[in-house]
Amino acid sequence: MGSRHQKRLEDFGLEGYKYQSANEAAMFAEAKRAIIAKEPIIFLGWRPHSMFTQFDLKFLEGQDNYFKKDNVYVISYKGIEEEFPEAYEILSNRSIDVSDLEEML
């Protein structure tokens, strides 16, 4: 398979692995099965996700060259600052660590 994902595996020196496309449920089920069986597995995960509270997962070194990080922002409606200044202040200054967010998930 000549996919960009297969190329990424090769870039990481993981030629013995094959990229297999799957939906989230199938990916998580296969990862869970392999982790419980103590078998090696590499999968395209993301944060925040509850799987990080269930398993001791590691990121491949150098993965920042392939995947972009981003932030999550609170959005509201125009006028909330005047109508509900206390709520606006709380929402404007609220920050949640990704591991805390995963615990909530």
N, C-alpha and C. Protein backbone atom coordinates (compact mmCIF):
# COMPACT_ATOMS: atom_id res chain seq x y z
N MET A 1 0.85 -1.18 0.00
CA MET A 1 0.00 0.00 0.00
C MET A 1 0.89 1.23 0.00
N GLY A 2 0.70 2.13 -0.91
CA GLY A 2 1.54 3.30 -1.04
C GLY A 2 0.95 4.54 -0.39
N SER A 3 0.21 4.41 0.67
CA SER A 3 -0.44 5.56 1.30
C SER A 3 0.56 6.43 2.03
N ARG A 4 0.16 7.66 2.30
CA ARG A 4 1.02 8.57 3.07
C ARG A 4 1.24 8.03 4.48
N HIS A 5 0.26 7.29 5.02
CA HIS A 5 0.43 6.71 6.35
C HIS A 5 1.48 5.59 6.33
N GLN A 6 1.48 4.79 5.28
CA GLN A 6 2.50 3.75 5.16
C GLN A 6 3.87 4.39 5.04
N LYS A 7 3.97 5.50 4.32
CA LYS A 7 5.24 6.23 4.18
C LYS A 7 5.70 6.73 5.54
N ARG A 8 4.78 7.20 6.36
CA ARG A 8 5.15 7.67 7.70
C ARG A 8 5.71 6.53 8.54
N LEU A 9 5.12 5.36 8.43
CA LEU A 9 5.65 4.21 9.16
C LEU A 9 7.09 3.95 8.72
N GLU A 10 7.33 4.00 7.44
CA GLU A 10 8.68 3.79 6.92
C GLU A 10 9.63 4.88 7.40
N ASP A 11 9.15 6.13 7.45
CA ASP A 11 9.96 7.25 7.93
C ASP A 11 10.41 7.03 9.38
N PHE A 12 9.59 6.34 10.15
CA PHE A 12 9.92 6.05 11.55
C PHE A 12 10.73 4.76 11.68
N GLY A 13 11.08 4.14 10.57
CA GLY A 13 11.85 2.90 10.62
C GLY A 13 11.00 1.70 11.01
N LEU A 14 9.72 1.74 10.69
CA LEU A 14 8.79 0.68 11.07
C LEU A 14 8.30 -0.08 9.83
N GLU A 15 9.24 -0.51 9.01
CA GLU A 15 8.90 -1.17 7.76
C GLU A 15 8.11 -2.46 7.96
N GLY A 16 8.25 -3.12 9.08
CA GLY A 16 7.55 -4.37 9.33
C GLY A 16 6.08 -4.21 9.66
N TYR A 17 5.62 -2.97 9.81
CA TYR A 17 4.22 -2.71 10.14
C TYR A 17 3.46 -2.31 8.89
N LYS A 18 2.17 -2.63 8.86
CA LYS A 18 1.31 -2.29 7.73
C LYS A 18 0.21 -1.36 8.21
N TYR A 19 -0.03 -0.29 7.48
CA TYR A 19 -1.10 0.63 7.82
C TYR A 19 -2.45 0.01 7.47
N GLN A 20 -3.37 0.06 8.42
CA GLN A 20 -4.73 -0.46 8.21
C GLN A 20 -5.71 0.63 8.59
N SER A 21 -6.54 1.05 7.67
CA SER A 21 -7.54 2.09 7.93
C SER A 21 -8.70 1.48 8.73
N ALA A 22 -9.23 2.25 9.67
CA ALA A 22 -10.37 1.79 10.48
C ALA A 22 -11.08 2.99 11.09
N ASN A 23 -12.33 2.80 11.47
CA ASN A 23 -13.03 3.87 12.18
C ASN A 23 -12.56 3.90 13.64
N GLU A 24 -12.99 4.89 14.38
CA GLU A 24 -12.53 5.06 15.76
C GLU A 24 -12.83 3.84 16.63
N ALA A 25 -14.03 3.31 16.54
CA ALA A 25 -14.41 2.17 17.38
C ALA A 25 -13.53 0.95 17.09
N ALA A 26 -13.29 0.68 15.82
CA ALA A 26 -12.46 -0.47 15.44
C ALA A 26 -11.01 -0.25 15.87
N MET A 27 -10.50 0.96 15.69
CA MET A 27 -9.13 1.28 16.07
C MET A 27 -8.95 1.10 17.58
N PHE A 28 -9.89 1.62 18.35
CA PHE A 28 -9.78 1.54 19.80
C PHE A 28 -9.91 0.09 20.27
N ALA A 29 -10.81 -0.67 19.66
CA ALA A 29 -10.99 -2.08 20.04
C ALA A 29 -9.72 -2.88 19.76
N GLU A 30 -9.10 -2.66 18.61
CA GLU A 30 -7.87 -3.38 18.27
C GLU A 30 -6.72 -2.95 19.17
N ALA A 31 -6.62 -1.65 19.45
CA ALA A 31 -5.58 -1.17 20.36
C ALA A 31 -5.76 -1.78 21.75
N LYS A 32 -6.98 -1.79 22.23
CA LYS A 32 -7.27 -2.35 23.55
C LYS A 32 -6.91 -3.83 23.60
N ARG A 33 -7.27 -4.57 22.55
CA ARG A 33 -6.96 -5.99 22.49
C ARG A 33 -5.45 -6.22 22.55
N ALA A 34 -4.70 -5.46 21.75
CA ALA A 34 -3.25 -5.63 21.70
C ALA A 34 -2.59 -5.23 23.03
N ILE A 35 -3.07 -4.16 23.62
CA ILE A 35 -2.48 -3.70 24.89
C ILE A 35 -2.71 -4.73 25.99
N ILE A 36 -3.92 -5.25 26.08
CA ILE A 36 -4.22 -6.27 27.09
C ILE A 36 -3.40 -7.53 26.86
N ALA A 37 -3.20 -7.90 25.58
CA ALA A 37 -2.41 -9.08 25.24
C ALA A 37 -0.90 -8.80 25.30
N LYS A 38 -0.54 -7.56 25.62
CA LYS A 38 0.87 -7.13 25.69
C LYS A 38 1.59 -7.35 24.36
N GLU A 39 0.87 -7.06 23.28
CA GLU A 39 1.43 -7.13 21.94
C GLU A 39 1.74 -5.71 21.47
N PRO A 40 2.79 -5.56 20.67
CA PRO A 40 3.09 -4.21 20.17
C PRO A 40 2.03 -3.74 19.18
N ILE A 41 1.70 -2.46 19.25
CA ILE A 41 0.75 -1.88 18.30
C ILE A 41 1.06 -0.40 18.18
N ILE A 42 0.90 0.10 16.99
CA ILE A 42 1.05 1.53 16.71
C ILE A 42 -0.26 1.95 16.07
N PHE A 43 -0.83 3.05 16.53
CA PHE A 43 -2.06 3.52 15.93
C PHE A 43 -2.10 5.04 15.96
N LEU A 44 -2.93 5.61 15.10
CA LEU A 44 -3.08 7.05 15.01
C LEU A 44 -4.11 7.51 16.04
N GLY A 45 -3.62 7.87 17.21
CA GLY A 45 -4.50 8.37 18.26
C GLY A 45 -4.44 9.88 18.32
N TRP A 46 -5.24 10.47 19.16
CA TRP A 46 -5.28 11.92 19.30
C TRP A 46 -5.66 12.28 20.72
N ARG A 47 -5.30 13.48 21.07
CA ARG A 47 -5.66 14.00 22.39
C ARG A 47 -6.50 15.25 22.19
N PRO A 48 -7.50 15.48 22.98
CA PRO A 48 -7.89 14.64 24.12
C PRO A 48 -8.69 13.42 23.69
N HIS A 49 -8.47 12.32 24.39
CA HIS A 49 -9.23 11.09 24.18
C HIS A 49 -9.16 10.29 25.48
N SER A 50 -10.25 9.64 25.82
CA SER A 50 -10.33 8.87 27.07
C SER A 50 -9.36 7.69 27.10
N MET A 51 -8.85 7.26 25.94
CA MET A 51 -7.93 6.12 25.93
C MET A 51 -6.67 6.42 26.75
N PHE A 52 -6.32 7.71 26.91
CA PHE A 52 -5.13 8.06 27.68
C PHE A 52 -5.34 7.88 29.18
N THR A 53 -6.58 7.82 29.62
CA THR A 53 -6.86 7.54 31.04
C THR A 53 -6.92 6.04 31.29
N GLN A 54 -7.12 5.25 30.25
CA GLN A 54 -7.25 3.81 30.38
C GLN A 54 -5.95 3.05 30.19
N PHE A 55 -5.03 3.62 29.41
CA PHE A 55 -3.79 2.93 29.07
C PHE A 55 -2.60 3.88 29.18
N ASP A 56 -1.44 3.31 29.40
CA ASP A 56 -0.20 4.08 29.45
C ASP A 56 0.35 4.16 28.03
N LEU A 57 -0.10 5.15 27.28
CA LEU A 57 0.26 5.28 25.88
C LEU A 57 1.46 6.21 25.71
N LYS A 58 2.22 5.97 24.68
CA LYS A 58 3.40 6.78 24.36
C LYS A 58 3.27 7.30 22.94
N PHE A 59 3.85 8.47 22.71
CA PHE A 59 3.91 9.03 21.36
C PHE A 59 5.25 8.67 20.74
N LEU A 60 5.25 8.43 19.44
CA LEU A 60 6.50 8.19 18.73
C LEU A 60 7.34 9.47 18.74
N GLU A 61 8.63 9.34 18.98
CA GLU A 61 9.50 10.50 18.94
C GLU A 61 9.54 11.02 17.51
N GLY A 62 9.51 12.33 17.37
CA GLY A 62 9.54 12.94 16.05
C GLY A 62 8.17 13.10 15.42
N GLN A 63 7.13 12.70 16.10
CA GLN A 63 5.79 12.77 15.51
C GLN A 63 5.34 14.21 15.28
N ASP A 64 5.97 15.18 15.98
CA ASP A 64 5.61 16.58 15.77
C ASP A 64 5.88 17.04 14.34
N ASN A 65 6.75 16.32 13.63
CA ASN A 65 7.04 16.67 12.24
C ASN A 65 5.88 16.32 11.32
N TYR A 66 4.96 15.48 11.78
CA TYR A 66 3.87 15.00 10.94
C TYR A 66 2.49 15.50 11.36
N PHE A 67 2.32 15.75 12.64
CA PHE A 67 1.00 16.09 13.16
C PHE A 67 1.04 17.46 13.83
N LYS A 68 0.09 18.29 13.51
CA LYS A 68 0.02 19.64 14.08
C LYS A 68 -0.76 19.62 15.39
N LYS A 69 -0.32 20.45 16.32
CA LYS A 69 -1.05 20.63 17.57
C LYS A 69 -1.95 21.85 17.41
N ASP A 70 -3.02 21.87 18.17
CA ASP A 70 -3.93 23.00 18.10
C ASP A 70 -4.54 23.23 19.48
N ASN A 71 -5.30 24.26 19.60
CA ASN A 71 -5.99 24.60 20.84
C ASN A 71 -7.48 24.48 20.63
N VAL A 72 -8.19 24.34 21.73
CA VAL A 72 -9.65 24.34 21.72
C VAL A 72 -10.09 25.64 22.39
N TYR A 73 -11.00 26.33 21.77
CA TYR A 73 -11.44 27.62 22.30
C TYR A 73 -12.91 27.57 22.67
N VAL A 74 -13.26 28.35 23.70
CA VAL A 74 -14.65 28.53 24.09
C VAL A 74 -15.21 29.65 23.23
N ILE A 75 -16.35 29.40 22.62
CA ILE A 75 -16.99 30.45 21.85
C ILE A 75 -18.37 30.71 22.43
N SER A 76 -18.86 31.89 22.20
CA SER A 76 -20.16 32.26 22.74
C SER A 76 -20.84 33.17 21.73
N TYR A 77 -21.75 33.95 22.20
CA TYR A 77 -22.50 34.84 21.32
C TYR A 77 -22.09 36.30 21.56
N LYS A 78 -22.29 37.12 20.55
CA LYS A 78 -21.96 38.53 20.66
C LYS A 78 -22.85 39.17 21.73
N GLY A 79 -22.23 39.88 22.64
CA GLY A 79 -22.98 40.57 23.68
C GLY A 79 -22.91 39.90 25.05
N ILE A 80 -22.32 38.72 25.14
CA ILE A 80 -22.24 38.04 26.44
C ILE A 80 -21.40 38.85 27.44
N GLU A 81 -20.40 39.57 26.93
CA GLU A 81 -19.53 40.35 27.82
C GLU A 81 -20.34 41.40 28.60
N GLU A 82 -21.29 42.04 27.93
CA GLU A 82 -22.12 43.05 28.61
C GLU A 82 -23.26 42.41 29.41
N GLU A 83 -23.85 41.36 28.85
CA GLU A 83 -25.02 40.73 29.48
C GLU A 83 -24.64 39.90 30.70
N PHE A 84 -23.56 39.16 30.62
CA PHE A 84 -23.12 38.29 31.72
C PHE A 84 -21.62 38.46 31.93
N PRO A 85 -21.19 39.60 32.50
CA PRO A 85 -19.76 39.87 32.64
C PRO A 85 -19.02 38.83 33.49
N GLU A 86 -19.67 38.28 34.51
CA GLU A 86 -18.99 37.28 35.35
C GLU A 86 -18.75 35.99 34.55
N ALA A 87 -19.75 35.55 33.81
CA ALA A 87 -19.58 34.35 32.99
C ALA A 87 -18.52 34.59 31.92
N TYR A 88 -18.54 35.78 31.32
CA TYR A 88 -17.53 36.11 30.31
C TYR A 88 -16.13 36.05 30.90
N GLU A 89 -15.96 36.58 32.09
CA GLU A 89 -14.66 36.58 32.77
C GLU A 89 -14.19 35.14 33.05
N ILE A 90 -15.08 34.30 33.54
CA ILE A 90 -14.73 32.91 33.83
C ILE A 90 -14.34 32.18 32.55
N LEU A 91 -15.16 32.31 31.51
CA LEU A 91 -14.88 31.62 30.25
C LEU A 91 -13.61 32.15 29.57
N SER A 92 -13.35 33.44 29.71
CA SER A 92 -12.17 34.04 29.08
C SER A 92 -10.88 33.59 29.73
N ASN A 93 -10.92 33.27 31.01
CA ASN A 93 -9.71 32.92 31.73
C ASN A 93 -9.62 31.43 32.05
N ARG A 94 -10.52 30.64 31.52
CA ARG A 94 -10.56 29.21 31.81
C ARG A 94 -9.55 28.46 30.97
N SER A 95 -8.82 27.59 31.59
CA SER A 95 -7.87 26.74 30.90
C SER A 95 -7.94 25.36 31.54
N ILE A 96 -7.95 24.34 30.72
CA ILE A 96 -8.02 22.97 31.22
C ILE A 96 -6.85 22.19 30.64
N ASP A 97 -6.09 21.57 31.50
CA ASP A 97 -4.99 20.71 31.06
C ASP A 97 -5.59 19.53 30.31
N VAL A 98 -4.90 19.08 29.26
CA VAL A 98 -5.43 17.99 28.42
C VAL A 98 -5.69 16.72 29.24
N SER A 99 -4.84 16.41 30.21
CA SER A 99 -5.06 15.20 31.01
C SER A 99 -6.31 15.35 31.89
N ASP A 100 -6.59 16.55 32.37
CA ASP A 100 -7.82 16.77 33.14
C ASP A 100 -9.05 16.64 32.24
N LEU A 101 -8.93 17.14 31.04
CA LEU A 101 -10.05 17.03 30.09
C LEU A 101 -10.32 15.56 29.76
N GLU A 102 -9.25 14.78 29.61
CA GLU A 102 -9.42 13.35 29.32
C GLU A 102 -10.10 12.63 30.48
N GLU A 103 -9.79 13.03 31.70
CA GLU A 103 -10.48 12.45 32.86
C GLU A 103 -11.97 12.73 32.80
N MET A 104 -12.34 13.93 32.34
CA MET A 104 -13.75 14.30 32.23
C MET A 104 -14.45 13.49 31.12
N LEU A 105 -13.69 13.16 30.08
CA LEU A 105 -14.29 12.40 28.97
C LEU A 105 -14.69 11.02 29.41
